[in-house]
Amino acid sequence: MDKPSISSSNNASSMSFLRKDAFIVTKESSYSSKSLFFSVVSEVAILLINYHQRRQKKYQSMLENITKKTGINFYTVANSQPRVIPVSKEIMDAVLLKLNAFEQQKGYLSTSINLNSLSKILDTNSSYLSKIINNTKGKTFKNYLNDLRIENALQELKNNPQNKKFTIEAIAFDLGFKSAESFSKKFKSAYGMYPSKFMKNLAA
């Protein structure tokens, strides 16, 4: 029986080393691919986290600015020089007293309130009421009404967590607006963000 030659033994040994080398190369290649993949995923995750943090800081800053704003006149410019109106001081004082009660009782939340209906409630005429509001508040009746509603909306959204359960349309109607679109636009105009975004950031 012939014995295996030294040459055959060497060839077998060489093949074995080649297979080991190939395995090592394949393993290193796989390791490199995995390392590259995890490196890319990590970088993307870091970028997303930084982006999210920047957005949160932006909205937090906006919320802080909103909180600092008080009163219903902060986004309307009052007249620097009050105009003389043909209304006696007695009539003006009486109307302003009733107007203050109207504000305190939140009569502006009614969707049916308008200049004519309010003038009847305050026992005056619409022309006088319009001029008194324009002179003392520095705004039109429509802006006066909407400012009251928007200021109240801010307080309600901030202080009443139950509002998160309702749609923007339902909230808008409760706050005296006839449509969600009108409410959202006026809220954004006043505070720099839509009410839905405002509530989302309060919950964050």
N, C-alpha and C. Protein backbone atom coordinates (compact mmCIF):
# COMPACT_ATOMS: atom_id res chain seq x y z
N MET A 1 0.84 -1.19 0.00
CA MET A 1 0.00 0.00 0.00
C MET A 1 0.88 1.24 0.00
N ASP A 2 0.58 2.15 -0.94
CA ASP A 2 1.43 3.34 -1.06
C ASP A 2 1.12 4.33 0.06
N LYS A 3 2.16 4.95 0.58
CA LYS A 3 2.00 5.98 1.62
C LYS A 3 1.76 7.33 0.95
N PRO A 4 1.01 8.20 1.58
CA PRO A 4 0.77 9.54 1.03
C PRO A 4 2.09 10.25 0.86
N SER A 5 2.27 10.86 -0.27
CA SER A 5 3.51 11.55 -0.54
C SER A 5 3.59 12.84 0.24
N ILE A 6 4.79 13.34 0.44
CA ILE A 6 4.99 14.60 1.16
C ILE A 6 4.32 15.74 0.41
N SER A 7 4.36 15.64 -0.92
CA SER A 7 3.76 16.68 -1.78
C SER A 7 2.25 16.76 -1.55
N SER A 8 1.63 15.58 -1.47
CA SER A 8 0.17 15.55 -1.24
C SER A 8 -0.18 16.13 0.11
N SER A 9 0.66 15.80 1.09
CA SER A 9 0.42 16.31 2.44
C SER A 9 0.56 17.82 2.48
N ASN A 10 1.56 18.33 1.76
CA ASN A 10 1.76 19.79 1.73
C ASN A 10 0.61 20.49 1.04
N ASN A 11 0.12 19.85 -0.06
CA ASN A 11 -1.01 20.45 -0.78
C ASN A 11 -2.26 20.53 0.10
N ALA A 12 -2.48 19.47 0.84
CA ALA A 12 -3.64 19.44 1.73
C ALA A 12 -3.52 20.51 2.81
N SER A 13 -2.31 20.65 3.31
CA SER A 13 -2.07 21.65 4.35
C SER A 13 -2.28 23.06 3.81
N SER A 14 -1.81 23.27 2.56
CA SER A 14 -1.97 24.58 1.93
C SER A 14 -3.44 24.90 1.73
N MET A 15 -4.22 23.94 1.27
CA MET A 15 -5.65 24.14 1.07
C MET A 15 -6.36 24.50 2.37
N SER A 16 -5.90 23.84 3.44
CA SER A 16 -6.49 24.10 4.75
C SER A 16 -6.24 25.53 5.18
N PHE A 17 -5.00 25.99 4.97
CA PHE A 17 -4.66 27.37 5.32
C PHE A 17 -5.44 28.37 4.48
N LEU A 18 -5.60 28.04 3.19
CA LEU A 18 -6.34 28.93 2.29
C LEU A 18 -7.79 29.06 2.75
N ARG A 19 -8.37 27.92 3.17
CA ARG A 19 -9.75 27.98 3.64
C ARG A 19 -9.85 28.82 4.91
N LYS A 20 -8.85 28.66 5.79
CA LYS A 20 -8.85 29.46 7.02
C LYS A 20 -8.70 30.94 6.72
N ASP A 21 -7.80 31.25 5.79
CA ASP A 21 -7.59 32.65 5.40
C ASP A 21 -8.86 33.24 4.80
N ALA A 22 -9.50 32.44 3.95
CA ALA A 22 -10.74 32.91 3.32
C ALA A 22 -11.82 33.16 4.37
N PHE A 23 -11.89 32.28 5.35
CA PHE A 23 -12.86 32.42 6.43
C PHE A 23 -12.59 33.69 7.24
N ILE A 24 -11.29 33.92 7.53
CA ILE A 24 -10.90 35.10 8.31
C ILE A 24 -11.24 36.38 7.55
N VAL A 25 -10.93 36.38 6.24
CA VAL A 25 -11.21 37.55 5.40
C VAL A 25 -12.72 37.81 5.35
N THR A 26 -13.49 36.73 5.19
CA THR A 26 -14.95 36.86 5.14
C THR A 26 -15.49 37.39 6.46
N LYS A 27 -14.95 36.88 7.54
CA LYS A 27 -15.39 37.30 8.88
C LYS A 27 -15.06 38.77 9.12
N GLU A 28 -13.82 39.16 8.72
CA GLU A 28 -13.42 40.56 8.89
C GLU A 28 -14.27 41.48 8.03
N SER A 29 -14.59 41.02 6.83
CA SER A 29 -15.43 41.82 5.93
C SER A 29 -16.82 42.01 6.51
N SER A 30 -17.36 40.92 7.07
CA SER A 30 -18.68 40.98 7.70
C SER A 30 -18.66 41.91 8.90
N TYR A 31 -17.57 41.83 9.67
CA TYR A 31 -17.44 42.69 10.85
C TYR A 31 -17.37 44.16 10.44
N SER A 32 -16.62 44.42 9.37
CA SER A 32 -16.48 45.80 8.87
C SER A 32 -17.82 46.34 8.40
N SER A 33 -18.60 45.50 7.71
CA SER A 33 -19.91 45.92 7.22
C SER A 33 -20.84 46.25 8.38
N LYS A 34 -20.80 45.37 9.41
CA LYS A 34 -21.65 45.62 10.57
C LYS A 34 -21.23 46.89 11.29
N SER A 35 -19.92 47.10 11.40
CA SER A 35 -19.42 48.30 12.07
C SER A 35 -19.85 49.55 11.32
N LEU A 36 -19.75 49.50 9.99
CA LEU A 36 -20.17 50.63 9.17
C LEU A 36 -21.66 50.89 9.33
N PHE A 37 -22.46 49.83 9.34
CA PHE A 37 -23.90 49.96 9.48
C PHE A 37 -24.27 50.62 10.81
N PHE A 38 -23.67 50.11 11.90
CA PHE A 38 -23.98 50.66 13.22
C PHE A 38 -23.48 52.09 13.36
N SER A 39 -22.37 52.38 12.69
CA SER A 39 -21.82 53.74 12.72
C SER A 39 -22.78 54.71 12.04
N VAL A 40 -23.30 54.30 10.88
CA VAL A 40 -24.25 55.14 10.15
C VAL A 40 -25.53 55.32 10.95
N VAL A 41 -26.04 54.22 11.53
CA VAL A 41 -27.26 54.29 12.34
C VAL A 41 -27.07 55.22 13.53
N SER A 42 -25.90 55.14 14.16
CA SER A 42 -25.60 55.99 15.32
C SER A 42 -25.57 57.46 14.93
N GLU A 43 -24.94 57.74 13.80
CA GLU A 43 -24.86 59.13 13.35
C GLU A 43 -26.24 59.68 13.01
N VAL A 44 -27.05 58.87 12.35
CA VAL A 44 -28.41 59.30 12.01
C VAL A 44 -29.22 59.54 13.29
N ALA A 45 -29.08 58.64 14.26
CA ALA A 45 -29.80 58.78 15.52
C ALA A 45 -29.40 60.06 16.24
N ILE A 46 -28.11 60.36 16.24
CA ILE A 46 -27.61 61.58 16.88
C ILE A 46 -28.18 62.82 16.20
N LEU A 47 -28.20 62.79 14.86
CA LEU A 47 -28.76 63.91 14.10
C LEU A 47 -30.23 64.12 14.41
N LEU A 48 -30.99 63.00 14.48
CA LEU A 48 -32.42 63.08 14.79
C LEU A 48 -32.66 63.62 16.19
N ILE A 49 -31.85 63.17 17.14
CA ILE A 49 -31.98 63.63 18.53
C ILE A 49 -31.70 65.12 18.61
N ASN A 50 -30.62 65.55 17.94
CA ASN A 50 -30.28 66.98 17.95
C ASN A 50 -31.37 67.82 17.31
N TYR A 51 -31.94 67.29 16.21
CA TYR A 51 -33.01 68.00 15.51
C TYR A 51 -34.24 68.13 16.42
N HIS A 52 -34.59 67.02 17.09
CA HIS A 52 -35.74 67.02 17.99
C HIS A 52 -35.50 68.00 19.15
N GLN A 53 -34.28 68.02 19.70
CA GLN A 53 -33.98 68.91 20.81
C GLN A 53 -34.07 70.38 20.40
N ARG A 54 -33.60 70.66 19.17
CA ARG A 54 -33.68 72.03 18.68
C ARG A 54 -35.12 72.48 18.51
N ARG A 55 -35.98 71.56 17.99
CA ARG A 55 -37.39 71.89 17.82
C ARG A 55 -38.06 72.10 19.18
N GLN A 56 -37.71 71.24 20.15
CA GLN A 56 -38.30 71.37 21.48
C GLN A 56 -37.90 72.69 22.12
N LYS A 57 -36.62 73.09 21.94
CA LYS A 57 -36.16 74.37 22.49
C LYS A 57 -36.89 75.53 21.83
N LYS A 58 -37.12 75.39 20.53
CA LYS A 58 -37.82 76.44 19.78
C LYS A 58 -39.24 76.61 20.31
N TYR A 59 -39.96 75.48 20.45
CA TYR A 59 -41.34 75.56 20.93
C TYR A 59 -41.41 75.95 22.40
N GLN A 60 -40.41 75.52 23.17
CA GLN A 60 -40.37 75.90 24.58
C GLN A 60 -40.20 77.40 24.71
N SER A 61 -39.33 77.95 23.87
CA SER A 61 -39.11 79.40 23.86
C SER A 61 -40.39 80.13 23.49
N MET A 62 -41.12 79.58 22.49
CA MET A 62 -42.37 80.20 22.06
C MET A 62 -43.41 80.15 23.17
N LEU A 63 -43.46 79.01 23.88
CA LEU A 63 -44.42 78.87 24.97
C LEU A 63 -44.10 79.85 26.10
N GLU A 64 -42.79 80.04 26.39
CA GLU A 64 -42.39 80.97 27.43
C GLU A 64 -42.76 82.40 27.05
N ASN A 65 -42.57 82.72 25.78
CA ASN A 65 -42.92 84.07 25.32
C ASN A 65 -44.42 84.30 25.41
N ILE A 66 -45.20 83.24 25.07
CA ILE A 66 -46.66 83.36 25.17
C ILE A 66 -47.08 83.57 26.61
N THR A 67 -46.44 82.82 27.53
CA THR A 67 -46.79 82.91 28.94
C THR A 67 -46.51 84.31 29.50
N LYS A 68 -45.47 84.95 28.98
CA LYS A 68 -45.11 86.28 29.46
C LYS A 68 -46.10 87.36 29.02
N LYS A 69 -46.82 87.06 27.93
CA LYS A 69 -47.76 88.04 27.40
C LYS A 69 -49.06 88.02 28.22
N THR A 70 -49.44 89.14 28.72
CA THR A 70 -50.67 89.21 29.53
C THR A 70 -51.58 90.29 28.98
N GLY A 71 -52.86 90.14 29.25
CA GLY A 71 -53.83 91.13 28.79
C GLY A 71 -54.24 90.88 27.35
N ILE A 72 -55.36 91.45 26.97
CA ILE A 72 -55.89 91.20 25.64
C ILE A 72 -55.40 92.20 24.61
N ASN A 73 -54.58 93.16 25.03
CA ASN A 73 -54.14 94.19 24.10
C ASN A 73 -52.72 93.97 23.57
N PHE A 74 -52.11 92.83 23.89
CA PHE A 74 -50.69 92.68 23.57
C PHE A 74 -50.40 92.57 22.08
N TYR A 75 -51.37 92.18 21.25
CA TYR A 75 -51.06 92.08 19.83
C TYR A 75 -51.92 93.02 18.98
N THR A 76 -52.51 94.04 19.63
CA THR A 76 -53.18 95.08 18.89
C THR A 76 -52.61 96.42 19.32
N VAL A 77 -52.47 97.34 18.41
CA VAL A 77 -51.86 98.63 18.72
C VAL A 77 -52.95 99.64 19.05
N ALA A 78 -52.94 100.11 20.27
CA ALA A 78 -53.93 101.10 20.68
C ALA A 78 -53.60 102.45 20.06
N ASN A 79 -54.64 103.28 19.90
CA ASN A 79 -54.41 104.61 19.36
C ASN A 79 -53.58 105.44 20.33
N SER A 80 -52.55 106.07 19.83
CA SER A 80 -51.70 106.88 20.69
C SER A 80 -52.40 108.16 21.12
N GLN A 81 -53.30 108.66 20.27
CA GLN A 81 -54.06 109.86 20.58
C GLN A 81 -55.56 109.56 20.55
N PRO A 82 -56.19 109.40 21.72
CA PRO A 82 -57.63 109.11 21.75
C PRO A 82 -58.41 110.19 21.00
N ARG A 83 -59.36 109.75 20.19
CA ARG A 83 -60.17 110.68 19.43
C ARG A 83 -61.36 111.17 20.26
N VAL A 84 -61.72 112.38 20.01
CA VAL A 84 -62.89 112.93 20.70
C VAL A 84 -64.14 112.36 20.04
N ILE A 85 -65.01 111.77 20.83
CA ILE A 85 -66.23 111.19 20.27
C ILE A 85 -67.45 111.88 20.87
N PRO A 86 -68.51 111.96 20.11
CA PRO A 86 -69.72 112.68 20.57
C PRO A 86 -70.54 111.88 21.57
N VAL A 87 -69.90 111.48 22.66
CA VAL A 87 -70.60 110.71 23.70
C VAL A 87 -70.27 111.36 25.03
N SER A 88 -71.27 111.63 25.83
CA SER A 88 -71.02 112.27 27.11
C SER A 88 -70.26 111.33 28.04
N LYS A 89 -69.58 111.92 29.02
CA LYS A 89 -68.80 111.12 29.97
C LYS A 89 -69.70 110.17 30.75
N GLU A 90 -70.90 110.61 31.07
CA GLU A 90 -71.83 109.77 31.83
C GLU A 90 -72.22 108.53 31.03
N ILE A 91 -72.52 108.74 29.76
CA ILE A 91 -72.90 107.61 28.90
C ILE A 91 -71.71 106.66 28.72
N MET A 92 -70.52 107.24 28.49
CA MET A 92 -69.35 106.42 28.29
C MET A 92 -69.03 105.60 29.53
N ASP A 93 -69.09 106.22 30.69
CA ASP A 93 -68.80 105.51 31.94
C ASP A 93 -69.79 104.37 32.17
N ALA A 94 -71.08 104.64 31.87
CA ALA A 94 -72.11 103.62 32.07
C ALA A 94 -71.89 102.45 31.11
N VAL A 95 -71.56 102.73 29.85
CA VAL A 95 -71.32 101.68 28.87
C VAL A 95 -70.07 100.87 29.24
N LEU A 96 -69.01 101.56 29.66
CA LEU A 96 -67.76 100.86 30.02
C LEU A 96 -67.97 99.96 31.24
N LEU A 97 -68.80 100.40 32.16
CA LEU A 97 -69.10 99.58 33.34
C LEU A 97 -69.81 98.30 32.93
N LYS A 98 -70.78 98.43 32.04
CA LYS A 98 -71.50 97.25 31.55
C LYS A 98 -70.61 96.39 30.65
N LEU A 99 -69.73 97.04 29.90
CA LEU A 99 -68.81 96.30 29.04
C LEU A 99 -67.84 95.47 29.88
N ASN A 100 -67.44 96.01 31.00
CA ASN A 100 -66.55 95.28 31.91
C ASN A 100 -67.27 94.05 32.46
N ALA A 101 -68.55 94.20 32.80
CA ALA A 101 -69.34 93.06 33.30
C ALA A 101 -69.49 92.02 32.21
N PHE A 102 -69.67 92.47 30.98
CA PHE A 102 -69.77 91.57 29.82
C PHE A 102 -68.49 90.73 29.68
N GLU A 103 -67.34 91.36 29.88
CA GLU A 103 -66.06 90.66 29.79
C GLU A 103 -65.89 89.67 30.94
N GLN A 104 -66.23 90.12 32.14
CA GLN A 104 -66.07 89.26 33.32
C GLN A 104 -66.96 88.02 33.24
N GLN A 105 -68.14 88.20 32.69
CA GLN A 105 -69.09 87.08 32.56
C GLN A 105 -68.85 86.25 31.30
N LYS A 106 -67.85 86.63 30.52
CA LYS A 106 -67.46 85.94 29.29
C LYS A 106 -68.62 85.82 28.30
N GLY A 107 -69.33 86.93 28.17
CA GLY A 107 -70.42 86.96 27.20
C GLY A 107 -69.94 86.84 25.77
N TYR A 108 -68.67 87.11 25.57
CA TYR A 108 -68.08 87.02 24.23
C TYR A 108 -67.97 85.59 23.71
N LEU A 109 -68.21 84.61 24.55
CA LEU A 109 -68.12 83.21 24.13
C LEU A 109 -69.33 82.78 23.29
N SER A 110 -70.35 83.59 23.28
CA SER A 110 -71.53 83.28 22.46
C SER A 110 -71.20 83.52 20.99
N THR A 111 -71.49 82.55 20.15
CA THR A 111 -71.22 82.69 18.72
C THR A 111 -72.21 83.66 18.05
N SER A 112 -73.28 83.97 18.73
CA SER A 112 -74.31 84.85 18.14
C SER A 112 -74.12 86.32 18.52
N ILE A 113 -73.15 86.61 19.38
CA ILE A 113 -72.96 87.99 19.80
C ILE A 113 -72.38 88.82 18.66
N ASN A 114 -72.92 90.02 18.48
CA ASN A 114 -72.40 90.95 17.49
C ASN A 114 -72.62 92.37 18.00
N LEU A 115 -72.22 93.34 17.21
CA LEU A 115 -72.30 94.73 17.66
C LEU A 115 -73.73 95.13 18.00
N ASN A 116 -74.67 94.77 17.16
CA ASN A 116 -76.07 95.14 17.40
C ASN A 116 -76.65 94.47 18.64
N SER A 117 -76.40 93.16 18.77
CA SER A 117 -76.96 92.45 19.92
C SER A 117 -76.33 92.91 21.23
N LEU A 118 -75.03 93.20 21.20
CA LEU A 118 -74.37 93.65 22.43
C LEU A 118 -74.81 95.06 22.81
N SER A 119 -75.02 95.91 21.81
CA SER A 119 -75.48 97.28 22.12
C SER A 119 -76.84 97.24 22.80
N LYS A 120 -77.69 96.31 22.41
CA LYS A 120 -79.00 96.16 23.06
C LYS A 120 -78.84 95.66 24.50
N ILE A 121 -77.91 94.71 24.68
CA ILE A 121 -77.66 94.18 26.03
C ILE A 121 -77.14 95.28 26.94
N LEU A 122 -76.30 96.15 26.40
CA LEU A 122 -75.70 97.23 27.19
C LEU A 122 -76.57 98.48 27.24
N ASP A 123 -77.74 98.39 26.61
CA ASP A 123 -78.69 99.50 26.60
C ASP A 123 -78.10 100.78 26.00
N THR A 124 -77.50 100.62 24.85
CA THR A 124 -76.95 101.76 24.12
C THR A 124 -77.17 101.49 22.63
N ASN A 125 -76.70 102.39 21.78
CA ASN A 125 -76.84 102.12 20.35
C ASN A 125 -75.51 101.65 19.77
N SER A 126 -75.56 100.98 18.63
CA SER A 126 -74.37 100.36 18.06
C SER A 126 -73.30 101.37 17.66
N SER A 127 -73.73 102.55 17.25
CA SER A 127 -72.78 103.59 16.85
C SER A 127 -71.96 104.05 18.06
N TYR A 128 -72.64 104.31 19.16
CA TYR A 128 -71.94 104.71 20.38
C TYR A 128 -70.99 103.61 20.86
N LEU A 129 -71.50 102.39 20.87
CA LEU A 129 -70.70 101.27 21.37
C LEU A 129 -69.43 101.08 20.52
N SER A 130 -69.59 101.16 19.22
CA SER A 130 -68.45 101.00 18.32
C SER A 130 -67.41 102.08 18.57
N LYS A 131 -67.85 103.32 18.73
CA LYS A 131 -66.93 104.44 18.95
C LYS A 131 -66.25 104.35 20.32
N ILE A 132 -67.01 103.92 21.32
CA ILE A 132 -66.43 103.79 22.67
C ILE A 132 -65.34 102.71 22.69
N ILE A 133 -65.63 101.58 22.07
CA ILE A 133 -64.63 100.49 22.02
C ILE A 133 -63.41 100.93 21.23
N ASN A 134 -63.64 101.58 20.11
CA ASN A 134 -62.53 102.04 19.28
C ASN A 134 -61.68 103.06 20.01
N ASN A 135 -62.32 103.92 20.78
CA ASN A 135 -61.61 104.98 21.49
C ASN A 135 -60.89 104.47 22.72
N THR A 136 -61.54 103.60 23.51
CA THR A 136 -60.96 103.14 24.78
C THR A 136 -60.10 101.88 24.65
N LYS A 137 -60.41 101.03 23.67
CA LYS A 137 -59.67 99.78 23.50
C LYS A 137 -58.63 99.87 22.38
N GLY A 138 -58.81 100.88 21.51
CA GLY A 138 -57.87 101.04 20.41
C GLY A 138 -58.02 100.00 19.32
N LYS A 139 -59.24 99.51 19.12
CA LYS A 139 -59.47 98.46 18.12
C LYS A 139 -60.93 98.48 17.68
N THR A 140 -61.20 97.79 16.59
CA THR A 140 -62.58 97.67 16.10
C THR A 140 -63.35 96.70 17.00
N PHE A 141 -64.66 96.72 16.88
CA PHE A 141 -65.47 95.79 17.68
C PHE A 141 -65.11 94.34 17.37
N LYS A 142 -64.92 94.03 16.08
CA LYS A 142 -64.59 92.66 15.67
C LYS A 142 -63.28 92.21 16.29
N ASN A 143 -62.27 93.07 16.24
CA ASN A 143 -60.97 92.71 16.83
C ASN A 143 -61.06 92.62 18.35
N TYR A 144 -61.84 93.50 18.93
CA TYR A 144 -62.06 93.48 20.38
C TYR A 144 -62.64 92.13 20.81
N LEU A 145 -63.66 91.69 20.09
CA LEU A 145 -64.33 90.42 20.40
C LEU A 145 -63.38 89.24 20.22
N ASN A 146 -62.67 89.23 19.10
CA ASN A 146 -61.75 88.12 18.82
C ASN A 146 -60.57 88.08 19.79
N ASP A 147 -60.10 89.27 20.20
CA ASP A 147 -59.00 89.31 21.16
C ASP A 147 -59.41 88.70 22.50
N LEU A 148 -60.63 89.02 22.92
CA LEU A 148 -61.14 88.44 24.16
C LEU A 148 -61.22 86.91 24.05
N ARG A 149 -61.71 86.44 22.93
CA ARG A 149 -61.85 84.99 22.71
C ARG A 149 -60.49 84.30 22.66
N ILE A 150 -59.54 84.91 21.97
CA ILE A 150 -58.22 84.30 21.84
C ILE A 150 -57.48 84.27 23.17
N GLU A 151 -57.58 85.36 23.93
CA GLU A 151 -56.96 85.38 25.25
C GLU A 151 -57.56 84.31 26.16
N ASN A 152 -58.88 84.18 26.09
CA ASN A 152 -59.57 83.15 26.87
C ASN A 152 -59.18 81.75 26.39
N ALA A 153 -59.02 81.60 25.09
CA ALA A 153 -58.60 80.31 24.52
C ALA A 153 -57.24 79.89 25.06
N LEU A 154 -56.32 80.84 25.13
CA LEU A 154 -54.99 80.53 25.66
C LEU A 154 -55.08 80.00 27.09
N GLN A 155 -55.85 80.68 27.92
CA GLN A 155 -55.98 80.26 29.31
C GLN A 155 -56.66 78.89 29.43
N GLU A 156 -57.68 78.69 28.61
CA GLU A 156 -58.40 77.41 28.65
C GLU A 156 -57.50 76.25 28.21
N LEU A 157 -56.74 76.44 27.15
CA LEU A 157 -55.87 75.37 26.65
C LEU A 157 -54.74 75.08 27.63
N LYS A 158 -54.26 76.10 28.30
CA LYS A 158 -53.18 75.93 29.27
C LYS A 158 -53.65 75.26 30.56
N ASN A 159 -54.83 75.66 31.01
CA ASN A 159 -55.28 75.26 32.35
C ASN A 159 -56.31 74.15 32.40
N ASN A 160 -56.83 73.76 31.25
CA ASN A 160 -57.86 72.72 31.24
C ASN A 160 -57.42 71.52 30.39
N PRO A 161 -56.81 70.50 31.01
CA PRO A 161 -56.32 69.33 30.27
C PRO A 161 -57.42 68.58 29.52
N GLN A 162 -58.67 68.75 29.95
CA GLN A 162 -59.78 68.05 29.30
C GLN A 162 -59.93 68.45 27.83
N ASN A 163 -59.44 69.63 27.47
CA ASN A 163 -59.56 70.10 26.10
C ASN A 163 -58.82 69.20 25.11
N LYS A 164 -57.82 68.48 25.59
CA LYS A 164 -57.05 67.59 24.71
C LYS A 164 -57.90 66.44 24.17
N LYS A 165 -59.03 66.19 24.83
CA LYS A 165 -59.91 65.10 24.40
C LYS A 165 -60.82 65.53 23.25
N PHE A 166 -60.93 66.84 23.03
CA PHE A 166 -61.87 67.36 22.04
C PHE A 166 -61.17 67.78 20.75
N THR A 167 -61.94 67.86 19.69
CA THR A 167 -61.41 68.31 18.41
C THR A 167 -61.24 69.83 18.45
N ILE A 168 -60.41 70.35 17.55
CA ILE A 168 -60.21 71.80 17.45
C ILE A 168 -61.54 72.48 17.11
N GLU A 169 -62.34 71.83 16.30
CA GLU A 169 -63.64 72.39 15.93
C GLU A 169 -64.55 72.55 17.14
N ALA A 170 -64.57 71.54 18.01
CA ALA A 170 -65.40 71.60 19.21
C ALA A 170 -64.90 72.69 20.16
N ILE A 171 -63.59 72.77 20.31
CA ILE A 171 -63.00 73.80 21.18
C ILE A 171 -63.30 75.18 20.63
N ALA A 172 -63.16 75.33 19.31
CA ALA A 172 -63.42 76.62 18.66
C ALA A 172 -64.85 77.09 18.92
N PHE A 173 -65.80 76.18 18.78
CA PHE A 173 -67.21 76.53 18.99
C PHE A 173 -67.46 76.93 20.43
N ASP A 174 -66.88 76.20 21.37
CA ASP A 174 -67.04 76.52 22.79
C ASP A 174 -66.46 77.88 23.14
N LEU A 175 -65.43 78.29 22.37
CA LEU A 175 -64.77 79.57 22.64
C LEU A 175 -65.37 80.73 21.87
N GLY A 176 -66.47 80.46 21.16
CA GLY A 176 -67.18 81.54 20.49
C GLY A 176 -66.90 81.69 19.01
N PHE A 177 -66.04 80.85 18.47
CA PHE A 177 -65.72 80.93 17.04
C PHE A 177 -66.69 80.05 16.25
N LYS A 178 -66.97 80.47 15.02
CA LYS A 178 -67.93 79.75 14.20
C LYS A 178 -67.28 78.63 13.38
N SER A 179 -65.94 78.61 13.34
CA SER A 179 -65.26 77.55 12.59
C SER A 179 -63.88 77.29 13.19
N ALA A 180 -63.40 76.06 12.99
CA ALA A 180 -62.08 75.69 13.48
C ALA A 180 -61.00 76.47 12.72
N GLU A 181 -61.24 76.69 11.45
CA GLU A 181 -60.26 77.40 10.62
C GLU A 181 -60.05 78.83 11.11
N SER A 182 -61.16 79.51 11.40
CA SER A 182 -61.08 80.88 11.89
C SER A 182 -60.34 80.94 13.22
N PHE A 183 -60.68 80.03 14.11
CA PHE A 183 -60.02 79.96 15.42
C PHE A 183 -58.53 79.69 15.28
N SER A 184 -58.16 78.70 14.46
CA SER A 184 -56.76 78.32 14.30
C SER A 184 -55.93 79.46 13.72
N LYS A 185 -56.48 80.14 12.72
CA LYS A 185 -55.75 81.24 12.08
C LYS A 185 -55.53 82.39 13.05
N LYS A 186 -56.55 82.74 13.81
CA LYS A 186 -56.43 83.85 14.76
C LYS A 186 -55.49 83.49 15.91
N PHE A 187 -55.53 82.24 16.34
CA PHE A 187 -54.65 81.79 17.42
C PHE A 187 -53.19 81.85 16.95
N LYS A 188 -52.93 81.38 15.75
CA LYS A 188 -51.57 81.41 15.20
C LYS A 188 -51.09 82.84 15.00
N SER A 189 -51.99 83.70 14.54
CA SER A 189 -51.64 85.10 14.34
C SER A 189 -51.25 85.75 15.66
N ALA A 190 -51.92 85.36 16.74
CA ALA A 190 -51.66 85.95 18.05
C ALA A 190 -50.44 85.35 18.74
N TYR A 191 -50.27 84.03 18.65
CA TYR A 191 -49.26 83.35 19.46
C TYR A 191 -48.16 82.64 18.67
N GLY A 192 -48.24 82.66 17.34
CA GLY A 192 -47.16 82.11 16.54
C GLY A 192 -47.23 80.62 16.27
N MET A 193 -48.26 79.95 16.73
CA MET A 193 -48.43 78.53 16.44
C MET A 193 -49.92 78.18 16.48
N TYR A 194 -50.27 77.11 15.79
CA TYR A 194 -51.66 76.68 15.76
C TYR A 194 -52.04 76.06 17.11
N PRO A 195 -53.32 76.12 17.50
CA PRO A 195 -53.74 75.57 18.79
C PRO A 195 -53.41 74.08 18.95
N SER A 196 -53.49 73.32 17.87
CA SER A 196 -53.16 71.89 17.94
C SER A 196 -51.71 71.70 18.32
N LYS A 197 -50.83 72.49 17.74
CA LYS A 197 -49.40 72.41 18.07
C LYS A 197 -49.14 72.90 19.48
N PHE A 198 -49.88 73.92 19.89
CA PHE A 198 -49.74 74.47 21.25
C PHE A 198 -50.07 73.41 22.28
N MET A 199 -51.19 72.70 22.08
CA MET A 199 -51.60 71.66 23.02
C MET A 199 -50.62 70.49 23.02
N LYS A 200 -50.10 70.16 21.84
CA LYS A 200 -49.15 69.05 21.71
C LYS A 200 -47.89 69.36 22.51
N ASN A 201 -47.42 70.60 22.45
CA ASN A 201 -46.20 70.97 23.15
C ASN A 201 -46.42 71.12 24.65
N LEU A 202 -47.63 71.43 25.05
CA LEU A 202 -47.94 71.47 26.48
C LEU A 202 -47.88 70.08 27.08
N ALA A 203 -48.29 69.07 26.28
CA ALA A 203 -48.32 67.69 26.75
C ALA A 203 -46.95 67.04 26.70
N ALA A 204 -46.00 67.64 25.94
CA ALA A 204 -44.67 67.04 25.76
C ALA A 204 -43.86 67.12 27.05
